[in-house]
Amino acid sequence: MLERKSIGVFILTVATLLLFIGLWCIYLSPPVIYGPSDFNIAWYRSFRDRHFPPNATKTFSFNVQDDQCVRIYIENVEVVTSRSFDVLIYDPENKIVYQRRSASTINLVPRKTGEYTLEIHNQPYVETELTVEIIGYYAVFKPLIPTGQLLILTSIPLYGLSIWLIAKRPPPKCWTLIATNSKKR
């Protein structure tokens, strides 16, 4: 009797470990992030301004939905001096989420959904041409989700087996009464 309960406790421990590892695979495993490609682009915006005057600020807005990432390409063509411009991105609550000088490629994984604002400020004394491409794409993929689902499904019968081994009792009296009454008929 003690051996059967020990085996049941061991199986219960294994089932619990499988359950927790499966839950980790589904909810906490690191995602694989893919860049924008044809099959996962949600939206695409392209802006071109041939006249970007000195000290000017251009503002672009874009809307981000659930599970979307954003990649921004900025091309600032200058003839006289080196490229220099300030880039700011504001979230829906008008807080700065990105700020850099002369960033030509920006990868943004938004924490909130809503309308974001991209602001580009040109350097003084230089008139340039500005091209901006904003791409929204679905990029988060967790490759361990099917493994987690399999581990959770595997743990379910192990829980049943362990409970049966630990607490094996005769069936309740009502079941035996039902069984004997059905035999009499």
N, C-alpha and C. Protein backbone atom coordinates (compact mmCIF):
# COMPACT_ATOMS: atom_id res chain seq x y z
N MET A 1 0.81 -1.19 0.00
CA MET A 1 0.00 0.00 0.00
C MET A 1 0.86 1.26 0.00
N LEU A 2 1.93 1.25 0.77
CA LEU A 2 2.83 2.40 0.82
C LEU A 2 3.52 2.60 -0.52
N GLU A 3 3.86 1.52 -1.20
CA GLU A 3 4.53 1.63 -2.48
C GLU A 3 3.63 2.28 -3.52
N ARG A 4 2.40 1.91 -3.52
CA ARG A 4 1.48 2.47 -4.51
C ARG A 4 1.30 3.97 -4.28
N LYS A 5 1.22 4.41 -3.04
CA LYS A 5 1.09 5.83 -2.74
C LYS A 5 2.36 6.58 -3.11
N SER A 6 3.51 5.96 -2.91
CA SER A 6 4.78 6.60 -3.29
C SER A 6 4.86 6.79 -4.80
N ILE A 7 4.45 5.76 -5.53
CA ILE A 7 4.43 5.88 -6.99
C ILE A 7 3.45 6.96 -7.42
N GLY A 8 2.31 7.03 -6.75
CA GLY A 8 1.32 8.07 -7.06
C GLY A 8 1.85 9.47 -6.80
N VAL A 9 2.57 9.65 -5.71
CA VAL A 9 3.17 10.96 -5.41
C VAL A 9 4.23 11.30 -6.45
N PHE A 10 5.02 10.33 -6.86
CA PHE A 10 6.04 10.56 -7.89
C PHE A 10 5.38 10.98 -9.21
N ILE A 11 4.33 10.28 -9.60
CA ILE A 11 3.63 10.61 -10.85
C ILE A 11 2.96 11.98 -10.73
N LEU A 12 2.43 12.30 -9.57
CA LEU A 12 1.84 13.62 -9.35
C LEU A 12 2.89 14.72 -9.50
N THR A 13 4.10 14.49 -8.98
CA THR A 13 5.19 15.46 -9.13
C THR A 13 5.57 15.64 -10.59
N VAL A 14 5.67 14.53 -11.31
CA VAL A 14 6.01 14.61 -12.75
C VAL A 14 4.91 15.36 -13.50
N ALA A 15 3.66 15.07 -13.19
CA ALA A 15 2.54 15.74 -13.87
C ALA A 15 2.56 17.25 -13.58
N THR A 16 2.86 17.63 -12.35
CA THR A 16 2.93 19.05 -12.01
C THR A 16 4.07 19.74 -12.74
N LEU A 17 5.22 19.06 -12.82
CA LEU A 17 6.34 19.63 -13.58
C LEU A 17 5.97 19.80 -15.05
N LEU A 18 5.34 18.81 -15.64
CA LEU A 18 4.92 18.92 -17.04
C LEU A 18 3.94 20.07 -17.23
N LEU A 19 3.02 20.23 -16.29
CA LEU A 19 2.05 21.32 -16.37
C LEU A 19 2.74 22.67 -16.32
N PHE A 20 3.65 22.87 -15.36
CA PHE A 20 4.34 24.16 -15.24
C PHE A 20 5.25 24.44 -16.43
N ILE A 21 5.94 23.42 -16.93
CA ILE A 21 6.79 23.62 -18.12
C ILE A 21 5.91 23.96 -19.32
N GLY A 22 4.77 23.30 -19.46
CA GLY A 22 3.85 23.61 -20.55
C GLY A 22 3.31 25.03 -20.46
N LEU A 23 2.95 25.47 -19.26
CA LEU A 23 2.48 26.84 -19.09
C LEU A 23 3.58 27.85 -19.41
N TRP A 24 4.82 27.52 -19.02
CA TRP A 24 5.95 28.40 -19.34
C TRP A 24 6.12 28.50 -20.86
N CYS A 25 6.03 27.36 -21.54
CA CYS A 25 6.18 27.37 -23.00
C CYS A 25 5.12 28.23 -23.67
N ILE A 26 3.92 28.23 -23.14
CA ILE A 26 2.85 28.99 -23.77
C ILE A 26 2.93 30.48 -23.44
N TYR A 27 3.15 30.81 -22.16
CA TYR A 27 3.03 32.21 -21.75
C TYR A 27 4.35 32.94 -21.56
N LEU A 28 5.41 32.26 -21.21
CA LEU A 28 6.65 32.96 -20.87
C LEU A 28 7.83 32.65 -21.76
N SER A 29 7.67 31.82 -22.75
CA SER A 29 8.80 31.50 -23.62
C SER A 29 9.17 32.74 -24.44
N PRO A 30 10.44 32.89 -24.76
CA PRO A 30 10.85 34.08 -25.51
C PRO A 30 10.30 34.04 -26.94
N PRO A 31 9.78 35.17 -27.41
CA PRO A 31 9.24 35.18 -28.76
C PRO A 31 10.35 35.34 -29.80
N VAL A 32 10.05 34.89 -30.99
CA VAL A 32 10.92 35.13 -32.14
C VAL A 32 10.29 36.29 -32.89
N ILE A 33 11.05 37.34 -33.10
CA ILE A 33 10.52 38.53 -33.76
C ILE A 33 11.01 38.56 -35.19
N TYR A 34 10.08 38.64 -36.09
CA TYR A 34 10.39 38.70 -37.51
C TYR A 34 10.16 40.13 -38.01
N GLY A 35 10.93 40.52 -38.96
CA GLY A 35 10.76 41.84 -39.57
C GLY A 35 9.61 41.84 -40.53
N PRO A 36 9.30 43.02 -41.07
CA PRO A 36 8.17 43.10 -41.99
C PRO A 36 8.49 42.38 -43.30
N SER A 37 7.60 41.57 -43.72
CA SER A 37 7.69 40.91 -45.01
C SER A 37 6.29 40.88 -45.60
N ASP A 38 6.15 40.37 -46.78
CA ASP A 38 4.86 40.43 -47.47
C ASP A 38 3.73 39.76 -46.70
N PHE A 39 4.01 38.65 -46.03
CA PHE A 39 2.92 37.89 -45.42
C PHE A 39 2.46 38.42 -44.07
N ASN A 40 3.24 39.29 -43.41
CA ASN A 40 2.80 39.74 -42.10
C ASN A 40 2.69 41.26 -41.99
N ILE A 41 2.66 41.98 -43.10
CA ILE A 41 2.48 43.43 -43.05
C ILE A 41 1.00 43.74 -42.79
N ALA A 42 0.76 44.56 -41.77
CA ALA A 42 -0.60 44.97 -41.45
C ALA A 42 -0.97 46.26 -42.20
N TRP A 43 -0.04 47.19 -42.30
CA TRP A 43 -0.27 48.44 -43.02
C TRP A 43 1.07 49.04 -43.42
N TYR A 44 1.01 49.95 -44.40
CA TYR A 44 2.22 50.56 -44.94
C TYR A 44 1.91 52.01 -45.31
N ARG A 45 2.77 52.93 -44.87
CA ARG A 45 2.64 54.35 -45.20
C ARG A 45 3.97 54.84 -45.76
N SER A 46 3.91 55.63 -46.80
CA SER A 46 5.12 56.20 -47.40
C SER A 46 4.88 57.69 -47.64
N PHE A 47 5.84 58.51 -47.22
CA PHE A 47 5.75 59.96 -47.38
C PHE A 47 7.04 60.45 -48.01
N ARG A 48 6.90 61.38 -48.95
CA ARG A 48 8.08 61.96 -49.57
C ARG A 48 7.86 63.45 -49.69
N ASP A 49 8.81 64.19 -49.20
CA ASP A 49 8.75 65.64 -49.24
C ASP A 49 10.04 66.15 -49.85
N ARG A 50 9.95 66.76 -51.01
CA ARG A 50 11.15 67.25 -51.70
C ARG A 50 11.69 68.52 -51.05
N HIS A 51 10.90 69.15 -50.24
CA HIS A 51 11.32 70.40 -49.62
C HIS A 51 11.19 70.26 -48.09
N PHE A 52 12.31 70.02 -47.43
CA PHE A 52 12.37 69.92 -45.96
C PHE A 52 13.27 71.07 -45.49
N PRO A 53 12.67 72.24 -45.17
CA PRO A 53 13.47 73.43 -44.88
C PRO A 53 14.26 73.32 -43.57
N PRO A 54 15.26 74.20 -43.38
CA PRO A 54 16.03 74.20 -42.14
C PRO A 54 15.14 74.48 -40.93
N ASN A 55 15.46 73.83 -39.83
CA ASN A 55 14.73 73.96 -38.55
C ASN A 55 13.24 73.62 -38.66
N ALA A 56 12.84 72.95 -39.70
CA ALA A 56 11.44 72.55 -39.87
C ALA A 56 11.19 71.25 -39.13
N THR A 57 9.95 71.05 -38.78
CA THR A 57 9.54 69.81 -38.12
C THR A 57 8.40 69.20 -38.92
N LYS A 58 8.56 67.96 -39.29
CA LYS A 58 7.51 67.21 -39.99
C LYS A 58 6.92 66.22 -39.00
N THR A 59 5.61 66.10 -39.03
CA THR A 59 4.91 65.22 -38.11
C THR A 59 4.09 64.21 -38.92
N PHE A 60 4.20 62.95 -38.53
CA PHE A 60 3.46 61.87 -39.16
C PHE A 60 2.78 61.07 -38.06
N SER A 61 1.54 60.65 -38.30
CA SER A 61 0.86 59.83 -37.29
C SER A 61 0.54 58.47 -37.89
N PHE A 62 0.51 57.48 -37.01
CA PHE A 62 0.17 56.12 -37.44
C PHE A 62 -0.53 55.42 -36.29
N ASN A 63 -1.44 54.52 -36.63
CA ASN A 63 -2.26 53.83 -35.64
C ASN A 63 -1.75 52.41 -35.45
N VAL A 64 -1.54 52.00 -34.21
CA VAL A 64 -1.03 50.68 -33.88
C VAL A 64 -2.11 49.88 -33.16
N GLN A 65 -2.37 48.67 -33.65
CA GLN A 65 -3.35 47.77 -33.03
C GLN A 65 -2.63 46.73 -32.18
N ASP A 66 -3.38 45.82 -31.60
CA ASP A 66 -2.81 44.76 -30.76
C ASP A 66 -1.81 43.92 -31.53
N ASP A 67 -0.73 43.55 -30.89
CA ASP A 67 0.30 42.64 -31.42
C ASP A 67 0.98 43.14 -32.69
N GLN A 68 0.99 44.43 -32.91
CA GLN A 68 1.68 44.98 -34.07
C GLN A 68 3.01 45.61 -33.66
N CYS A 69 3.99 45.49 -34.53
CA CYS A 69 5.26 46.17 -34.37
C CYS A 69 5.38 47.17 -35.50
N VAL A 70 6.31 48.11 -35.34
CA VAL A 70 6.45 49.16 -36.33
C VAL A 70 7.93 49.28 -36.71
N ARG A 71 8.18 49.38 -38.01
CA ARG A 71 9.52 49.67 -38.50
C ARG A 71 9.44 50.94 -39.34
N ILE A 72 10.35 51.88 -39.06
CA ILE A 72 10.35 53.17 -39.73
C ILE A 72 11.69 53.36 -40.43
N TYR A 73 11.63 53.71 -41.71
CA TYR A 73 12.83 54.03 -42.49
C TYR A 73 12.78 55.53 -42.80
N ILE A 74 13.86 56.23 -42.47
CA ILE A 74 13.94 57.66 -42.74
C ILE A 74 15.15 57.91 -43.63
N GLU A 75 14.91 58.55 -44.76
CA GLU A 75 16.00 58.89 -45.66
C GLU A 75 16.00 60.41 -45.80
N ASN A 76 17.09 61.01 -45.40
CA ASN A 76 17.23 62.45 -45.44
C ASN A 76 18.41 62.77 -46.33
N VAL A 77 18.15 63.21 -47.54
CA VAL A 77 19.21 63.45 -48.51
C VAL A 77 19.71 64.88 -48.35
N GLU A 78 20.99 65.01 -48.08
CA GLU A 78 21.59 66.32 -47.92
C GLU A 78 22.75 66.47 -48.87
N VAL A 79 22.90 67.66 -49.39
CA VAL A 79 23.94 67.90 -50.36
C VAL A 79 25.19 68.51 -49.71
N VAL A 80 25.00 69.42 -48.79
CA VAL A 80 26.12 70.23 -48.28
C VAL A 80 26.81 69.60 -47.09
N THR A 81 26.07 69.21 -46.08
CA THR A 81 26.68 68.75 -44.84
C THR A 81 26.29 67.32 -44.54
N SER A 82 26.81 66.82 -43.45
CA SER A 82 26.45 65.46 -43.03
C SER A 82 25.01 65.43 -42.54
N ARG A 83 24.44 64.27 -42.58
CA ARG A 83 23.04 64.10 -42.22
C ARG A 83 22.87 64.26 -40.71
N SER A 84 21.94 65.11 -40.32
CA SER A 84 21.67 65.31 -38.90
C SER A 84 20.23 65.76 -38.73
N PHE A 85 19.45 65.00 -38.02
CA PHE A 85 18.07 65.36 -37.74
C PHE A 85 17.66 64.65 -36.46
N ASP A 86 16.67 65.18 -35.78
CA ASP A 86 16.18 64.60 -34.53
C ASP A 86 14.88 63.85 -34.81
N VAL A 87 14.76 62.67 -34.20
CA VAL A 87 13.58 61.84 -34.36
C VAL A 87 12.97 61.61 -32.99
N LEU A 88 11.68 61.88 -32.87
CA LEU A 88 10.93 61.63 -31.64
C LEU A 88 9.67 60.86 -31.99
N ILE A 89 9.31 59.89 -31.17
CA ILE A 89 8.05 59.16 -31.33
C ILE A 89 7.28 59.28 -30.03
N TYR A 90 6.02 59.70 -30.15
CA TYR A 90 5.14 59.86 -28.99
C TYR A 90 4.09 58.76 -29.00
N ASP A 91 3.77 58.25 -27.80
CA ASP A 91 2.73 57.23 -27.69
C ASP A 91 1.35 57.88 -27.64
N PRO A 92 0.26 57.10 -27.53
CA PRO A 92 -1.08 57.69 -27.51
C PRO A 92 -1.33 58.64 -26.35
N GLU A 93 -0.55 58.53 -25.28
CA GLU A 93 -0.70 59.44 -24.14
C GLU A 93 0.25 60.63 -24.24
N ASN A 94 0.85 60.82 -25.42
CA ASN A 94 1.76 61.92 -25.72
C ASN A 94 3.05 61.89 -24.89
N LYS A 95 3.50 60.71 -24.54
CA LYS A 95 4.78 60.53 -23.86
C LYS A 95 5.81 60.08 -24.89
N ILE A 96 7.04 60.53 -24.73
CA ILE A 96 8.10 60.16 -25.67
C ILE A 96 8.51 58.71 -25.42
N VAL A 97 8.43 57.87 -26.47
CA VAL A 97 8.85 56.47 -26.36
C VAL A 97 10.13 56.20 -27.14
N TYR A 98 10.52 57.17 -27.98
CA TYR A 98 11.75 57.00 -28.76
C TYR A 98 12.31 58.39 -29.07
N GLN A 99 13.63 58.54 -28.87
CA GLN A 99 14.27 59.81 -29.17
C GLN A 99 15.71 59.54 -29.57
N ARG A 100 16.09 59.93 -30.79
CA ARG A 100 17.45 59.72 -31.28
C ARG A 100 17.80 60.84 -32.25
N ARG A 101 19.07 60.96 -32.50
CA ARG A 101 19.57 61.88 -33.52
C ARG A 101 20.03 61.06 -34.72
N SER A 102 19.53 61.42 -35.88
CA SER A 102 19.93 60.82 -37.16
C SER A 102 19.71 59.31 -37.22
N ALA A 103 18.59 58.85 -36.74
CA ALA A 103 18.27 57.42 -36.83
C ALA A 103 17.60 57.17 -38.18
N SER A 104 18.18 56.28 -38.97
CA SER A 104 17.59 56.03 -40.29
C SER A 104 16.65 54.82 -40.29
N THR A 105 16.85 53.87 -39.38
CA THR A 105 15.95 52.73 -39.26
C THR A 105 15.55 52.59 -37.80
N ILE A 106 14.26 52.54 -37.55
CA ILE A 106 13.75 52.47 -36.18
C ILE A 106 12.85 51.25 -36.09
N ASN A 107 13.11 50.40 -35.11
CA ASN A 107 12.24 49.26 -34.81
C ASN A 107 11.53 49.56 -33.51
N LEU A 108 10.23 49.57 -33.53
CA LEU A 108 9.44 49.93 -32.36
C LEU A 108 8.48 48.80 -32.02
N VAL A 109 8.52 48.34 -30.78
CA VAL A 109 7.55 47.36 -30.29
C VAL A 109 6.67 48.11 -29.29
N PRO A 110 5.52 48.60 -29.74
CA PRO A 110 4.67 49.42 -28.88
C PRO A 110 4.10 48.65 -27.71
N ARG A 111 4.01 49.32 -26.59
CA ARG A 111 3.42 48.73 -25.39
C ARG A 111 1.92 48.98 -25.31
N LYS A 112 1.45 49.97 -26.05
CA LYS A 112 0.03 50.33 -26.02
C LYS A 112 -0.50 50.41 -27.44
N THR A 113 -1.80 50.24 -27.56
CA THR A 113 -2.44 50.43 -28.86
C THR A 113 -2.92 51.87 -28.95
N GLY A 114 -3.09 52.34 -30.17
CA GLY A 114 -3.58 53.70 -30.36
C GLY A 114 -2.76 54.44 -31.39
N GLU A 115 -2.95 55.76 -31.42
CA GLU A 115 -2.29 56.57 -32.43
C GLU A 115 -0.96 57.11 -31.90
N TYR A 116 0.10 56.80 -32.64
CA TYR A 116 1.45 57.27 -32.33
C TYR A 116 1.80 58.41 -33.26
N THR A 117 2.73 59.25 -32.83
CA THR A 117 3.15 60.39 -33.63
C THR A 117 4.65 60.35 -33.82
N LEU A 118 5.08 60.45 -35.07
CA LEU A 118 6.50 60.51 -35.42
C LEU A 118 6.82 61.96 -35.77
N GLU A 119 7.85 62.48 -35.13
CA GLU A 119 8.24 63.87 -35.34
C GLU A 119 9.70 63.90 -35.78
N ILE A 120 9.97 64.54 -36.91
CA ILE A 120 11.34 64.65 -37.43
C ILE A 120 11.66 66.14 -37.52
N HIS A 121 12.75 66.53 -36.86
CA HIS A 121 13.16 67.94 -36.84
C HIS A 121 14.47 68.06 -37.61
N ASN A 122 14.50 68.93 -38.62
CA ASN A 122 15.67 69.13 -39.46
C ASN A 122 16.70 70.02 -38.76
N GLN A 123 17.94 69.88 -39.17
CA GLN A 123 19.03 70.70 -38.62
C GLN A 123 18.95 72.12 -39.18
N PRO A 124 19.59 73.05 -38.51
CA PRO A 124 19.57 74.42 -39.03
C PRO A 124 20.43 74.58 -40.28
N TYR A 125 20.08 75.52 -41.11
CA TYR A 125 20.84 75.97 -42.28
C TYR A 125 20.89 74.97 -43.43
N VAL A 126 20.19 73.86 -43.38
CA VAL A 126 20.28 72.88 -44.47
C VAL A 126 18.87 72.54 -44.95
N GLU A 127 18.65 72.72 -46.23
CA GLU A 127 17.39 72.31 -46.83
C GLU A 127 17.62 70.96 -47.49
N THR A 128 16.74 70.01 -47.21
CA THR A 128 16.94 68.64 -47.68
C THR A 128 15.68 68.09 -48.30
N GLU A 129 15.79 66.85 -48.71
CA GLU A 129 14.66 66.07 -49.18
C GLU A 129 14.43 64.97 -48.15
N LEU A 130 13.18 64.68 -47.86
CA LEU A 130 12.87 63.72 -46.80
C LEU A 130 11.94 62.64 -47.34
N THR A 131 12.30 61.38 -47.07
CA THR A 131 11.45 60.24 -47.40
C THR A 131 11.26 59.42 -46.13
N VAL A 132 10.01 59.11 -45.82
CA VAL A 132 9.69 58.34 -44.61
C VAL A 132 8.79 57.17 -45.01
N GLU A 133 9.16 55.97 -44.58
CA GLU A 133 8.32 54.78 -44.76
C GLU A 133 8.01 54.22 -43.38
N ILE A 134 6.74 54.00 -43.11
CA ILE A 134 6.30 53.45 -41.82
C ILE A 134 5.55 52.16 -42.12
N ILE A 135 6.01 51.07 -41.52
CA ILE A 135 5.42 49.75 -41.78
C ILE A 135 4.94 49.16 -40.46
N GLY A 136 3.68 48.79 -40.41
CA GLY A 136 3.14 48.07 -39.26
C GLY A 136 3.05 46.60 -39.61
N TYR A 137 3.56 45.75 -38.73
CA TYR A 137 3.57 44.33 -39.04
C TYR A 137 3.37 43.50 -37.78
N TYR A 138 2.90 42.27 -37.98
CA TYR A 138 2.74 41.31 -36.89
C TYR A 138 4.03 40.51 -36.81
N ALA A 139 4.72 40.60 -35.69
CA ALA A 139 6.06 40.03 -35.64
C ALA A 139 6.28 39.04 -34.52
N VAL A 140 5.42 39.00 -33.55
CA VAL A 140 5.69 38.16 -32.38
C VAL A 140 5.18 36.75 -32.64
N PHE A 141 6.06 35.81 -32.53
CA PHE A 141 5.71 34.41 -32.72
C PHE A 141 6.41 33.61 -31.63
N LYS A 142 5.67 32.80 -30.91
CA LYS A 142 6.26 31.96 -29.88
C LYS A 142 6.29 30.52 -30.39
N PRO A 143 7.46 30.05 -30.79
CA PRO A 143 7.52 28.72 -31.40
C PRO A 143 7.27 27.57 -30.43
N LEU A 144 7.30 27.82 -29.13
CA LEU A 144 7.12 26.74 -28.16
C LEU A 144 5.67 26.53 -27.73
N ILE A 145 4.72 27.27 -28.30
CA ILE A 145 3.33 27.12 -27.91
C ILE A 145 2.80 25.71 -28.18
N PRO A 146 3.03 25.09 -29.34
CA PRO A 146 2.54 23.72 -29.53
C PRO A 146 3.17 22.73 -28.55
N THR A 147 4.44 22.91 -28.23
CA THR A 147 5.09 22.03 -27.25
C THR A 147 4.43 22.18 -25.89
N GLY A 148 4.13 23.42 -25.50
CA GLY A 148 3.46 23.66 -24.22
C GLY A 148 2.09 23.02 -24.17
N GLN A 149 1.34 23.12 -25.26
CA GLN A 149 0.02 22.51 -25.30
C GLN A 149 0.12 20.98 -25.16
N LEU A 150 1.11 20.39 -25.83
CA LEU A 150 1.30 18.94 -25.74
C LEU A 150 1.67 18.53 -24.31
N LEU A 151 2.54 19.29 -23.66
CA LEU A 151 2.93 18.97 -22.28
C LEU A 151 1.75 19.07 -21.32
N ILE A 152 0.91 20.08 -21.50
CA ILE A 152 -0.27 20.22 -20.64
C ILE A 152 -1.24 19.07 -20.86
N LEU A 153 -1.46 18.70 -22.12
CA LEU A 153 -2.36 17.58 -22.40
C LEU A 153 -1.79 16.26 -21.87
N THR A 154 -0.47 16.12 -21.87
CA THR A 154 0.15 14.92 -21.33
C THR A 154 0.01 14.85 -19.81
N SER A 155 0.02 16.01 -19.16
CA SER A 155 -0.06 16.02 -17.69
C SER A 155 -1.45 15.63 -17.18
N ILE A 156 -2.49 15.83 -17.97
CA ILE A 156 -3.85 15.58 -17.49
C ILE A 156 -4.08 14.11 -17.12
N PRO A 157 -3.77 13.14 -18.00
CA PRO A 157 -3.99 11.75 -17.58
C PRO A 157 -3.05 11.33 -16.45
N LEU A 158 -1.87 11.95 -16.39
CA LEU A 158 -0.97 11.62 -15.28
C LEU A 158 -1.55 12.06 -13.94
N TYR A 159 -2.24 13.21 -13.94
CA TYR A 159 -2.92 13.64 -12.71
C TYR A 159 -3.97 12.62 -12.30
N GLY A 160 -4.75 12.16 -13.27
CA GLY A 160 -5.77 11.16 -12.95
C GLY A 160 -5.18 9.88 -12.42
N LEU A 161 -4.09 9.40 -13.05
CA LEU A 161 -3.44 8.18 -12.59
C LEU A 161 -2.88 8.35 -11.18
N SER A 162 -2.25 9.49 -10.93
CA SER A 162 -1.66 9.70 -9.60
C SER A 162 -2.74 9.78 -8.51
N ILE A 163 -3.83 10.44 -8.82
CA ILE A 163 -4.92 10.52 -7.83
C ILE A 163 -5.51 9.14 -7.58
N TRP A 164 -5.65 8.35 -8.63
CA TRP A 164 -6.17 7.00 -8.46
C TRP A 164 -5.22 6.15 -7.62
N LEU A 165 -3.90 6.27 -7.84
CA LEU A 165 -2.93 5.50 -7.06
C LEU A 165 -2.86 5.95 -5.61
N ILE A 166 -2.97 7.25 -5.38
CA ILE A 166 -2.85 7.76 -4.01
C ILE A 166 -4.11 7.47 -3.22
N ALA A 167 -5.26 7.69 -3.78
CA ALA A 167 -6.50 7.62 -3.01
C ALA A 167 -7.42 6.53 -3.54
N LYS A 168 -6.92 5.33 -3.77
CA LYS A 168 -7.78 4.27 -4.27
C LYS A 168 -8.66 3.78 -3.13
N ARG A 169 -9.95 3.93 -3.35
CA ARG A 169 -10.93 3.51 -2.36
C ARG A 169 -12.01 2.71 -3.09
N PRO A 170 -12.76 1.97 -2.36
CA PRO A 170 -13.88 1.30 -3.02
C PRO A 170 -14.89 2.34 -3.49
N PRO A 171 -15.65 2.05 -4.51
CA PRO A 171 -16.61 3.02 -4.99
C PRO A 171 -17.65 3.34 -3.92
N PRO A 172 -18.25 4.49 -3.98
CA PRO A 172 -19.27 4.86 -2.98
C PRO A 172 -20.43 3.87 -2.98
N LYS A 173 -21.11 3.79 -1.83
CA LYS A 173 -22.20 2.83 -1.67
C LYS A 173 -23.34 3.08 -2.66
N CYS A 174 -23.56 4.32 -3.01
CA CYS A 174 -24.65 4.60 -3.95
C CYS A 174 -24.37 3.95 -5.31
N TRP A 175 -23.08 3.85 -5.69
CA TRP A 175 -22.76 3.21 -6.96
C TRP A 175 -23.03 1.71 -6.88
N THR A 176 -22.71 1.10 -5.74
CA THR A 176 -22.96 -0.33 -5.61
C THR A 176 -24.46 -0.61 -5.56
N LEU A 177 -25.25 0.29 -4.92
CA LEU A 177 -26.70 0.12 -4.90
C LEU A 177 -27.27 0.22 -6.31
N ILE A 178 -26.79 1.16 -7.10
CA ILE A 178 -27.28 1.31 -8.47
C ILE A 178 -26.91 0.07 -9.28
N ALA A 179 -25.71 -0.43 -9.08
CA ALA A 179 -25.27 -1.61 -9.84
C ALA A 179 -26.09 -2.83 -9.45
N THR A 180 -26.36 -3.04 -8.18
CA THR A 180 -27.14 -4.21 -7.76
C THR A 180 -28.59 -4.08 -8.19
N ASN A 181 -29.14 -2.88 -8.15
CA ASN A 181 -30.53 -2.69 -8.58
C ASN A 181 -30.68 -2.93 -10.08
N SER A 182 -29.69 -2.56 -10.84
CA SER A 182 -29.78 -2.77 -12.30
C SER A 182 -29.66 -4.25 -12.64
N LYS A 183 -28.94 -5.05 -11.81
CA LYS A 183 -28.81 -6.48 -12.06
C LYS A 183 -30.12 -7.20 -11.78
N LYS A 184 -30.89 -6.75 -10.80
CA LYS A 184 -32.14 -7.39 -10.41
C LYS A 184 -33.18 -7.29 -11.53
N ARG A 185 -33.13 -6.30 -12.34
CA ARG A 185 -34.13 -6.12 -13.39
C ARG A 185 -33.94 -7.01 -14.49
